[in-house]
C-alpha atoms as a PDB file:
ATOM      1  CA  MET A   1     106.764  97.430  85.893  1.00  0.00           C
ATOM      2  CA  ALA A   2     104.858  96.358  89.433  1.00  0.00           C
ATOM      3  CA  ALA A   3     106.027  99.656  90.927  1.00  0.00           C
ATOM      4  CA  GLN A   4     104.729 102.083  88.182  1.00  0.00           C
ATOM      5  CA  ILE A   5     101.047 100.611  88.524  1.00  0.00           C
ATOM      6  CA  GLY A   6     101.086 100.788  92.037  1.00  0.00           C
ATOM      7  CA  LEU A   7     101.498  96.692  92.884  1.00  0.00           C
ATOM      8  CA  LEU A   8     104.134  97.617  95.398  1.00  0.00           C
ATOM      9  CA  ASN A   9     104.569 100.265  98.424  1.00  0.00           C
ATOM     10  CA  GLU A  10     108.187  99.850  98.412  1.00  0.00           C
ATOM     11  CA  VAL A  11     111.365  98.692  96.681  1.00  0.00           C
ATOM     12  CA  VAL A  12     114.299  97.587  99.022  1.00  0.00           C
ATOM     13  CA  PRO A  13     118.015  96.848  98.299  1.00  0.00           C
ATOM     14  CA  THR A  14     118.747  92.901  97.309  1.00  0.00           C
ATOM     15  CA  GLY A  15     119.366  91.370 100.755  1.00  0.00           C
ATOM     16  CA  SER A  16     117.394  93.728 103.151  1.00  0.00           C
ATOM     17  CA  ALA A  17     113.632  92.522 102.739  1.00  0.00           C
ATOM     18  CA  ARG A  18     113.863  90.530 105.662  1.00  0.00           C
ATOM     19  CA  GLY A  19     115.025  93.743 107.868  1.00  0.00           C
ATOM     20  CA  ARG A  20     112.536  95.792 105.961  1.00  0.00           C
ATOM     21  CA  ALA A  21     109.547  93.554 106.870  1.00  0.00           C
ATOM     22  CA  LEU A  22     110.647  93.460 110.695  1.00  0.00           C
ATOM     23  CA  GLU A  23     110.939  97.007 110.911  1.00  0.00           C
ATOM     24  CA  ILE A  24     107.472  97.128 109.252  1.00  0.00           C
ATOM     25  CA  GLY A  25     106.074  94.893 111.846  1.00  0.00           C
ATOM     26  CA  GLN A  26     107.205  96.654 114.847  1.00  0.00           C
ATOM     27  CA  THR A  27     105.922  99.602 113.450  1.00  0.00           C
ATOM     28  CA  ILE A  28     102.347  98.124 113.253  1.00  0.00           C
ATOM     29  CA  ALA A  29     103.050  95.942 116.644  1.00  0.00           C
ATOM     30  CA  SER A  30     103.617  99.480 118.259  1.00  0.00           C
ATOM     31  CA  ARG A  31      99.746 100.508 117.211  1.00  0.00           C
ATOM     32  CA  GLY A  32      96.774  99.953 119.262  1.00  0.00           C
ATOM     33  CA  PRO A  33      95.677  96.670 119.408  1.00  0.00           C
ATOM     34  CA  GLU A  34      92.010  96.882 118.820  1.00  0.00           C
ATOM     35  CA  ALA A  35      92.924  98.724 115.551  1.00  0.00           C
ATOM     36  CA  VAL A  36      95.464  96.523 114.590  1.00  0.00           C
ATOM     37  CA  ARG A  37      93.267  93.414 115.064  1.00  0.00           C
ATOM     38  CA  GLU A  38      90.198  95.025 113.372  1.00  0.00           C
ATOM     39  CA  VAL A  39      92.161  96.257 110.307  1.00  0.00           C
ATOM     40  CA  LYS A  40      93.781  92.864 110.228  1.00  0.00           C
ATOM     41  CA  ARG A  41      90.194  91.650 110.113  1.00  0.00           C
ATOM     42  CA  LEU A  42      89.025  93.761 107.520  1.00  0.00           C
ATOM     43  CA  VAL A  43      91.793  93.107 104.870  1.00  0.00           C
ATOM     44  CA  ASP A  44      91.409  89.395 105.640  1.00  0.00           C
ATOM     45  CA  ASN A  45      87.715  89.598 104.515  1.00  0.00           C
ATOM     46  CA  ALA A  46      87.966  92.432 101.715  1.00  0.00           C
ATOM     47  CA  THR A  47      88.275  90.120  98.514  1.00  0.00           C
ATOM     48  CA  GLU A  48      85.448  88.572  99.779  1.00  0.00           C
ATOM     49  CA  THR A  49      82.955  91.471 100.147  1.00  0.00           C
ATOM     50  CA  GLU A  50      81.273  94.092  98.203  1.00  0.00           C
ATOM     51  CA  LEU A  51      82.914  97.572  97.882  1.00  0.00           C
ATOM     52  CA  ASP A  52      79.643  99.416  99.390  1.00  0.00           C
ATOM     53  CA  HIS A  53      79.632  96.903 101.956  1.00  0.00           C
ATOM     54  CA  GLY A  54      83.527  96.972 102.871  1.00  0.00           C
ATOM     55  CA  LEU A  55      83.014 100.543 103.018  1.00  0.00           C
ATOM     56  CA  ALA A  56      80.263 100.471 105.501  1.00  0.00           C
ATOM     57  CA  LEU A  57      82.490  97.593 107.554  1.00  0.00           C
ATOM     58  CA  GLU A  58      85.125 100.307 107.937  1.00  0.00           C
ATOM     59  CA  LEU A  59      83.067 103.148 108.932  1.00  0.00           C
ATOM     60  CA  ASP A  60      81.404 101.027 111.740  1.00  0.00           C
ATOM     61  CA  ALA A  61      85.056 100.028 112.555  1.00  0.00           C
ATOM     62  CA  SER A  62      86.243 103.507 112.874  1.00  0.00           C
ATOM     63  CA  GLN A  63      83.368 104.716 114.698  1.00  0.00           C
ATOM     64  CA  ARG A  64      83.648 101.570 117.396  1.00  0.00           C
ATOM     65  CA  LEU A  65      87.541 102.146 117.414  1.00  0.00           C
ATOM     66  CA  SER A  66      87.137 105.911 118.321  1.00  0.00           C
ATOM     67  CA  ALA A  67      85.864 105.508 121.346  1.00  0.00           C
ATOM     68  CA  THR A  68      88.369 103.214 122.944  1.00  0.00           C
ATOM     69  CA  ASP A  69      91.075 104.325 125.548  1.00  0.00           C
ATOM     70  CA  ASN A  70      93.277 103.627 123.251  1.00  0.00           C
ATOM     71  CA  ALA A  71      92.384 106.047 120.330  1.00  0.00           C
ATOM     72  CA  ILE A  72      91.911 108.620 123.148  1.00  0.00           C
ATOM     73  CA  GLU A  73      95.405 107.810 123.735  1.00  0.00           C
ATOM     74  CA  GLY A  74      96.285 108.235 120.389  1.00  0.00           C
ATOM     75  CA  PHE A  75      94.764 111.372 119.938  1.00  0.00           C
ATOM     76  CA  ARG A  76      96.218 113.017 123.055  1.00  0.00           C
ATOM     77  CA  ALA A  77      99.830 111.826 122.356  1.00  0.00           C
ATOM     78  CA  PHE A  78      99.360 113.569 118.882  1.00  0.00           C
ATOM     79  CA  PHE A  79      97.961 116.871 120.108  1.00  0.00           C
ATOM     80  CA  GLU A  80     100.766 116.524 122.921  1.00  0.00           C
ATOM     81  CA  LYS A  81     103.599 115.606 120.519  1.00  0.00           C
ATOM     82  CA  ARG A  82     104.697 112.679 122.297  1.00  0.00           C
ATOM     83  CA  GLU A  83     104.674 109.361 121.345  1.00  0.00           C
ATOM     84  CA  PRO A  84     101.328 107.310 122.261  1.00  0.00           C
ATOM     85  CA  PHE A  85     101.368 104.480 125.135  1.00  0.00           C
ATOM     86  CA  PHE A  86      98.983 101.938 123.932  1.00  0.00           C
ATOM     87  CA  THR A  87      97.478  99.286 126.476  1.00  0.00           C
ATOM     88  CA  GLY A  88      96.238  95.493 125.922  1.00  0.00           C
ATOM     89  CA  ILE A  89      97.653  92.946 124.196  1.00  0.00           C
ATOM     90  CA  GLN A  90      98.245  92.341 120.760  1.00  0.00           C
ATOM     91  CA  GLU A  91      96.152  88.860 119.788  1.00  0.00           C
ATOM     92  CA  ASP A  92      95.903  86.989 116.227  1.00  0.00           C
END
């Protein structure tokens, strides 16, 4: 039922949830640290923010992040069909 109404992104076999969660965590950790930090901040505040304000915050974040070295590296890597090399450390 939960999957049918969109409450789940993925269903995994019994006993494999931890492994899948670690895979997802590795994928997130491989992304640009500024973008991950910003998405985490936006998600953390989403339940306490009106929709219009939340969308404005997302637009602002997108504009700020698109000018970073890691964003430029991501664009280059995409067009050069290679894995990006992001710099910086991931902070909580």
